[in-house]
Structure formats: structure tokens, C-alpha cells
C-alpha atoms as a PDB file:
ATOM      1  CA  MET A   1      54.336  76.789 -54.906  1.00  0.00           C
ATOM      2  CA  ASP A   2      52.515  75.735 -58.004  1.00  0.00           C
ATOM      3  CA  THR A   3      52.182  78.728 -60.231  1.00  0.00           C
ATOM      4  CA  ILE A   4      54.324  81.426 -61.713  1.00  0.00           C
ATOM      5  CA  THR A   5      52.033  83.924 -59.968  1.00  0.00           C
ATOM      6  CA  ASP A   6      52.920  82.382 -56.599  1.00  0.00           C
ATOM      7  CA  GLU A   7      56.617  82.376 -57.477  1.00  0.00           C
ATOM      8  CA  LYS A   8      56.459  86.047 -58.459  1.00  0.00           C
ATOM      9  CA  LYS A   9      54.603  86.938 -55.267  1.00  0.00           C
ATOM     10  CA  ALA A  10      57.260  85.188 -53.167  1.00  0.00           C
ATOM     11  CA  LEU A  11      60.102  86.857 -55.071  1.00  0.00           C
ATOM     12  CA  ARG A  12      58.509  90.309 -54.668  1.00  0.00           C
ATOM     13  CA  LYS A  13      58.266  89.717 -50.920  1.00  0.00           C
ATOM     14  CA  HIS A  14      61.894  88.520 -50.793  1.00  0.00           C
ATOM     15  CA  VAL A  15      63.197  91.536 -52.732  1.00  0.00           C
ATOM     16  CA  ARG A  16      61.155  93.946 -50.572  1.00  0.00           C
ATOM     17  CA  ALA A  17      62.857  92.474 -47.491  1.00  0.00           C
ATOM     18  CA  LEU A  18      66.314  92.756 -49.099  1.00  0.00           C
ATOM     19  CA  LYS A  19      65.742  96.400 -50.022  1.00  0.00           C
ATOM     20  CA  ARG A  20      64.437  97.219 -46.519  1.00  0.00           C
ATOM     21  CA  GLU A  21      67.703  95.861 -45.081  1.00  0.00           C
ATOM     22  CA  MET A  22      69.819  97.982 -47.442  1.00  0.00           C
ATOM     23  CA  PRO A  23      71.349 100.993 -45.651  1.00  0.00           C
ATOM     24  CA  ALA A  24      70.441 104.348 -47.216  1.00  0.00           C
ATOM     25  CA  ALA A  25      74.114 105.132 -47.820  1.00  0.00           C
ATOM     26  CA  LEU A  26      74.550 101.907 -49.806  1.00  0.00           C
ATOM     27  CA  ALA A  27      71.396 102.615 -51.853  1.00  0.00           C
ATOM     28  CA  GLU A  28      72.827 106.040 -52.714  1.00  0.00           C
ATOM     29  CA  ILE A  29      76.207 104.614 -53.744  1.00  0.00           C
ATOM     30  CA  GLU A  30      74.585 101.869 -55.812  1.00  0.00           C
ATOM     31  CA  SER A  31      72.275 104.407 -57.484  1.00  0.00           C
ATOM     32  CA  GLN A  32      75.258 106.571 -58.418  1.00  0.00           C
ATOM     33  CA  ASN A  33      77.134 103.569 -59.839  1.00  0.00           C
ATOM     34  CA  VAL A  34      74.127 102.509 -61.938  1.00  0.00           C
ATOM     35  CA  ILE A  35      73.732 106.052 -63.281  1.00  0.00           C
ATOM     36  CA  SER A  36      77.432 106.218 -64.158  1.00  0.00           C
ATOM     37  CA  ILE A  37      77.270 102.946 -66.127  1.00  0.00           C
ATOM     38  CA  LEU A  38      74.078 104.100 -67.873  1.00  0.00           C
ATOM     39  CA  GLU A  39      75.501 107.481 -68.828  1.00  0.00           C
ATOM     40  CA  ASN A  40      78.550 105.807 -70.368  1.00  0.00           C
ATOM     41  CA  LEU A  41      76.510 103.623 -72.726  1.00  0.00           C
ATOM     42  CA  PRO A  42      76.928 104.833 -76.323  1.00  0.00           C
ATOM     43  CA  ILE A  43      73.149 104.571 -76.893  1.00  0.00           C
ATOM     44  CA  PHE A  44      72.547 106.860 -73.898  1.00  0.00           C
ATOM     45  CA  LYS A  45      75.157 109.383 -75.033  1.00  0.00           C
ATOM     46  CA  GLU A  46      73.661 109.498 -78.543  1.00  0.00           C
ATOM     47  CA  ALA A  47      69.975 109.529 -77.553  1.00  0.00           C
ATOM     48  CA  LYS A  48      68.171 112.836 -77.846  1.00  0.00           C
ATOM     49  CA  VAL A  49      64.861 111.547 -76.431  1.00  0.00           C
ATOM     50  CA  ILE A  50      64.763 109.171 -73.496  1.00  0.00           C
ATOM     51  CA  MET A  51      62.022 107.831 -71.287  1.00  0.00           C
ATOM     52  CA  ALA A  52      62.780 107.391 -67.599  1.00  0.00           C
ATOM     53  CA  TYR A  53      60.779 107.115 -64.381  1.00  0.00           C
ATOM     54  CA  TRP A  54      60.474 109.293 -61.288  1.00  0.00           C
ATOM     55  CA  SER A  55      61.990 107.042 -58.616  1.00  0.00           C
ATOM     56  CA  MET A  56      60.093 105.700 -55.655  1.00  0.00           C
ATOM     57  CA  ASP A  57      61.994 105.486 -52.363  1.00  0.00           C
ATOM     58  CA  ASP A  58      62.829 101.796 -52.865  1.00  0.00           C
ATOM     59  CA  GLU A  59      64.136 102.144 -56.439  1.00  0.00           C
ATOM     60  CA  VAL A  60      67.448 103.175 -57.967  1.00  0.00           C
ATOM     61  CA  ASP A  61      67.261 106.934 -57.442  1.00  0.00           C
ATOM     62  CA  ILE A  62      67.576 108.739 -60.760  1.00  0.00           C
ATOM     63  CA  ARG A  63      65.640 111.907 -59.822  1.00  0.00           C
ATOM     64  CA  LYS A  64      68.680 114.230 -59.755  1.00  0.00           C
ATOM     65  CA  ALA A  65      69.972 112.617 -62.938  1.00  0.00           C
ATOM     66  CA  ILE A  66      66.645 113.297 -64.692  1.00  0.00           C
ATOM     67  CA  ILE A  67      66.949 116.970 -63.837  1.00  0.00           C
ATOM     68  CA  ARG A  68      70.521 117.000 -65.200  1.00  0.00           C
ATOM     69  CA  TRP A  69      69.598 114.957 -68.303  1.00  0.00           C
ATOM     70  CA  SER A  70      66.729 117.319 -69.125  1.00  0.00           C
ATOM     71  CA  GLU A  71      69.266 120.082 -69.739  1.00  0.00           C
ATOM     72  CA  SER A  72      70.564 118.291 -72.849  1.00  0.00           C
ATOM     73  CA  LYS A  73      67.928 115.658 -73.704  1.00  0.00           C
ATOM     74  CA  ARG A  74      64.188 115.472 -73.972  1.00  0.00           C
ATOM     75  CA  VAL A  75      63.079 113.360 -70.994  1.00  0.00           C
ATOM     76  CA  ILE A  76      59.706 111.613 -71.049  1.00  0.00           C
ATOM     77  CA  LEU A  77      58.069 110.225 -67.898  1.00  0.00           C
ATOM     78  CA  PRO A  78      55.124 107.841 -67.514  1.00  0.00           C
ATOM     79  CA  VAL A  79      51.855 109.008 -65.974  1.00  0.00           C
ATOM     80  CA  VAL A  80      49.326 106.539 -64.575  1.00  0.00           C
ATOM     81  CA  ASP A  81      45.931 106.759 -66.273  1.00  0.00           C
ATOM     82  CA  GLY A  82      43.632 104.106 -64.840  1.00  0.00           C
ATOM     83  CA  GLU A  83      45.075 100.757 -65.936  1.00  0.00           C
ATOM     84  CA  SER A  84      47.656 102.158 -68.353  1.00  0.00           C
ATOM     85  CA  LEU A  85      50.533 104.600 -68.629  1.00  0.00           C
ATOM     86  CA  LEU A  86      50.522 107.794 -70.673  1.00  0.00           C
ATOM     87  CA  LEU A  87      53.685 109.676 -71.566  1.00  0.00           C
ATOM     88  CA  LYS A  88      54.440 113.308 -70.747  1.00  0.00           C
ATOM     89  CA  GLU A  89      57.559 115.403 -71.063  1.00  0.00           C
ATOM     90  CA  PHE A  90      59.495 116.341 -67.925  1.00  0.00           C
ATOM     91  CA  SER A  91      59.860 120.116 -67.853  1.00  0.00           C
ATOM     92  CA  GLY A  92      61.113 120.762 -64.343  1.00  0.00           C
ATOM     93  CA  LEU A  93      60.265 120.091 -60.720  1.00  0.00           C
ATOM     94  CA  GLU A  94      57.695 122.869 -60.624  1.00  0.00           C
ATOM     95  CA  GLU A  95      55.652 121.016 -63.270  1.00  0.00           C
ATOM     96  CA  LEU A  96      55.307 117.788 -61.244  1.00  0.00           C
ATOM     97  CA  LYS A  97      52.248 116.850 -59.198  1.00  0.00           C
ATOM     98  CA  PRO A  98      51.520 113.769 -57.055  1.00  0.00           C
ATOM     99  CA  GLY A  99      50.090 111.010 -59.225  1.00  0.00           C
ATOM    100  CA  ASP A 100      47.243 108.639 -58.462  1.00  0.00           C
ATOM    101  CA  LEU A 101      49.431 105.577 -57.877  1.00  0.00           C
ATOM    102  CA  PHE A 102      51.708 105.709 -54.807  1.00  0.00           C
ATOM    103  CA  SER A 103      51.642 109.554 -55.142  1.00  0.00           C
ATOM    104  CA  ILE A 104      54.630 109.354 -57.502  1.00  0.00           C
ATOM    105  CA  PRO A 105      55.225 112.855 -58.914  1.00  0.00           C
ATOM    106  CA  GLU A 106      54.141 113.109 -62.552  1.00  0.00           C
ATOM    107  CA  PRO A 107      54.474 115.814 -65.215  1.00  0.00           C
ATOM    108  CA  THR A 108      51.388 117.980 -65.678  1.00  0.00           C
ATOM    109  CA  GLY A 109      51.876 118.910 -69.332  1.00  0.00           C
ATOM    110  CA  SER A 110      50.290 117.521 -72.465  1.00  0.00           C
ATOM    111  CA  ILE A 111      50.417 113.873 -73.466  1.00  0.00           C
ATOM    112  CA  ILE A 112      53.172 113.397 -76.017  1.00  0.00           C
ATOM    113  CA  SER A 113      52.113 112.316 -79.487  1.00  0.00           C
ATOM    114  CA  ASP A 114      55.533 111.378 -80.852  1.00  0.00           C
ATOM    115  CA  SER A 115      56.514 108.386 -78.709  1.00  0.00           C
ATOM    116  CA  GLU A 116      58.236 106.848 -81.737  1.00  0.00           C
ATOM    117  CA  ARG A 117      61.014 109.429 -81.178  1.00  0.00           C
ATOM    118  CA  ILE A 118      61.985 107.800 -77.861  1.00  0.00           C
ATOM    119  CA  GLU A 119      65.368 106.162 -78.419  1.00  0.00           C
ATOM    120  CA  LEU A 120      66.057 104.697 -74.984  1.00  0.00           C
ATOM    121  CA  ILE A 121      63.854 103.669 -72.057  1.00  0.00           C
ATOM    122  CA  VAL A 122      65.203 103.442 -68.505  1.00  0.00           C
ATOM    123  CA  VAL A 123      63.039 100.776 -66.870  1.00  0.00           C
ATOM    124  CA  PRO A 124      62.525 100.102 -63.156  1.00  0.00           C
ATOM    125  CA  GLY A 125      61.575  96.693 -61.823  1.00  0.00           C
ATOM    126  CA  VAL A 126      61.306  94.584 -58.714  1.00  0.00           C
ATOM    127  CA  ALA A 127      63.718  91.961 -60.040  1.00  0.00           C
ATOM    128  CA  PHE A 128      65.841  91.339 -63.123  1.00  0.00           C
ATOM    129  CA  SER A 129      67.746  88.318 -64.331  1.00  0.00           C
ATOM    130  CA  LYS A 130      71.046  87.742 -66.044  1.00  0.00           C
ATOM    131  CA  LYS A 131      68.902  86.498 -68.953  1.00  0.00           C
ATOM    132  CA  LEU A 132      67.524  90.076 -69.320  1.00  0.00           C
ATOM    133  CA  GLN A 133      64.157  89.167 -67.798  1.00  0.00           C
ATOM    134  CA  ARG A 134      62.209  91.753 -65.800  1.00  0.00           C
ATOM    135  CA  MET A 135      59.579  91.402 -63.126  1.00  0.00           C
ATOM    136  CA  GLY A 136      57.580  94.457 -62.140  1.00  0.00           C
ATOM    137  CA  ARG A 137      55.215  95.192 -59.282  1.00  0.00           C
ATOM    138  CA  GLY A 138      52.458  93.054 -60.774  1.00  0.00           C
ATOM    139  CA  LYS A 139      50.160  95.514 -62.532  1.00  0.00           C
ATOM    140  CA  ALA A 140      51.769  95.020 -65.987  1.00  0.00           C
ATOM    141  CA  TYR A 141      51.837  98.791 -66.604  1.00  0.00           C
ATOM    142  CA  TYR A 142      55.320  98.672 -68.109  1.00  0.00           C
ATOM    143  CA  ASP A 143      54.725  95.442 -70.041  1.00  0.00           C
ATOM    144  CA  HIS A 144      51.826  97.054 -71.925  1.00  0.00           C
ATOM    145  CA  LEU A 145      53.702 100.301 -72.513  1.00  0.00           C
ATOM    146  CA  LEU A 146      57.013  98.721 -73.545  1.00  0.00           C
ATOM    147  CA  ASP A 147      55.220  96.465 -75.985  1.00  0.00           C
ATOM    148  CA  SER A 148      54.027  99.573 -77.849  1.00  0.00           C
ATOM    149  CA  LEU A 149      57.472 101.249 -78.052  1.00  0.00           C
ATOM    150  CA  SER A 150      60.457 100.253 -80.160  1.00  0.00           C
ATOM    151  CA  ALA A 151      63.202 101.979 -78.165  1.00  0.00           C
ATOM    152  CA  VAL A 152      66.167 100.264 -76.484  1.00  0.00           C
ATOM    153  CA  ARG A 153      65.105  98.987 -73.033  1.00  0.00           C
ATOM    154  CA  VAL A 154      67.555  99.379 -70.165  1.00  0.00           C
ATOM    155  CA  GLY A 155      66.519  97.846 -66.846  1.00  0.00           C
ATOM    156  CA  ILE A 156      68.264  99.288 -63.813  1.00  0.00           C
ATOM    157  CA  CYS A 157      68.410  97.817 -60.335  1.00  0.00           C
ATOM    158  CA  PHE A 158      70.263  97.461 -57.072  1.00  0.00           C
ATOM    159  CA  SER A 159      72.613  94.470 -56.799  1.00  0.00           C
ATOM    160  CA  CYS A 160      70.128  92.655 -54.530  1.00  0.00           C
ATOM    161  CA  GLN A 161      67.538  92.727 -57.338  1.00  0.00           C
ATOM    162  CA  LEU A 162      69.549  90.681 -59.845  1.00  0.00           C
ATOM    163  CA  PHE A 163      69.069  86.915 -60.073  1.00  0.00           C
ATOM    164  CA  ASP A 164      70.283  84.194 -62.418  1.00  0.00           C
ATOM    165  CA  GLU A 165      66.686  83.595 -63.462  1.00  0.00           C
ATOM    166  CA  ILE A 166      63.258  84.874 -62.403  1.00  0.00           C
ATOM    167  CA  PRO A 167      59.735  83.567 -63.029  1.00  0.00           C
ATOM    168  CA  CYS A 168      58.393  84.865 -66.339  1.00  0.00           C
ATOM    169  CA  GLU A 169      55.230  84.721 -68.380  1.00  0.00           C
ATOM    170  CA  PRO A 170      54.764  85.312 -72.122  1.00  0.00           C
ATOM    171  CA  HIS A 171      53.755  88.973 -71.591  1.00  0.00           C
ATOM    172  CA  ASP A 172      56.960  89.711 -69.633  1.00  0.00           C
ATOM    173  CA  LEU A 173      59.240  91.533 -72.059  1.00  0.00           C
ATOM    174  CA  LEU A 174      63.004  91.167 -72.121  1.00  0.00           C
ATOM    175  CA  MET A 175      65.351  94.086 -71.639  1.00  0.00           C
ATOM    176  CA  ASP A 176      68.117  94.940 -74.098  1.00  0.00           C
ATOM    177  CA  PHE A 177      70.422  95.743 -71.164  1.00  0.00           C
ATOM    178  CA  VAL A 178      70.301  95.315 -67.401  1.00  0.00           C
ATOM    179  CA  ILE A 179      72.514  97.537 -65.281  1.00  0.00           C
ATOM    180  CA  THR A 180      73.427  96.833 -61.666  1.00  0.00           C
ATOM    181  CA  PRO A 181      75.943  98.847 -59.629  1.00  0.00           C
ATOM    182  CA  ASN A 182      78.602  96.314 -60.613  1.00  0.00           C
ATOM    183  CA  GLU A 183      77.832  95.186 -64.130  1.00  0.00           C
ATOM    184  CA  LEU A 184      76.251  95.758 -67.502  1.00  0.00           C
ATOM    185  CA  ILE A 185      74.416  92.781 -68.912  1.00  0.00           C
ATOM    186  CA  ASN A 186      73.353  92.566 -72.550  1.00  0.00           C
ATOM    187  CA  SER A 187      72.628  89.868 -75.077  1.00  0.00           C
END
């Protein structure tokens, strides 16, 4: 393989295979462990406004946690708009509709205008590294969005998604923390 693009493509394929092999019961346990570590971070406990994501079936499942968090915090979720992400407030299951990309449920309310109030961002990814690198699905949605926000970035992943190092390009932003079911990594 010659290019970073080829390396990323191969790693995405490898991680997809690893996640397919993961039993559902293990994915549930690992998701719960990640959530527990996240919820015990002082920055999470103190944050009044957080941004999260509505989990896809192959991601750390934080859907129930989002519902619980929304009882005491303002929770913002991304909404796909063409080639970018907009931000909307989560206000309950009844206010979600299937989105354009992968039919991920998205809030239907108004676009938020105070994104500077977001204190913490829970970030999904295909792979993370112990050097706080993140690799997404390849569309750079999160890279563009995260670049415009100044909140603390917390990448969360299953144990099979963490590597010593992953291929990165200049536009790939570092996380402030990476949480796996077994560890918390920060700088």
C-alpha cells in the first residue's frame, strides 16, 4: 500500500471484520463500561451542554445514556445536511426522524445557534490510537465539525478499535481523551 488513503481503507475493512465477529453480549458490556468511564470524568460531571451521537448498530451504544443524560444536561446531536453536519438539541425519542445518511435518527427541532456553549463532545470513530488519533468513516463530517468547536473531545470505542497508531492526515483532529471499555487515555 502506498498511500494513507489505502492504509485507512484497509484499516476500516479490518475493523469492520473485528466488529462483525464481536458477540452482541460483549458489545453491550463494552458499551456499558465505556459509558461508566465517561460518566465518571470530572469534565462530563460538570458539563451542562454536551454533544453526542445517536449510535449506529456497530458503534458503542449510548442511546439509552443519551435519554438519561438529557434529564440533567442539554444534549446536542449532529444532523447530516449534504456534506456537513448541523447541530440540533435532543428533546426525546418522539422528536427523532430517520436521517438521510444510514437512516440514523436525528432531532427534528431547530438548528442550535449557540454551539460555543458545548463543553464536551462524545465522538464516534472507526479506529482510535493511543496517541489520541481518530479515524472516521471517510467522509470527514466530524473533522469539519470538530474543527469549528472548542469543546473537549472524547473519542469512545470498543476495545477492538484501539491501536497503537493509525494512519492520519493533517485534517484528522486529535481527541483530548479516548475511552475504551478498559482504559482512559489522555495526553
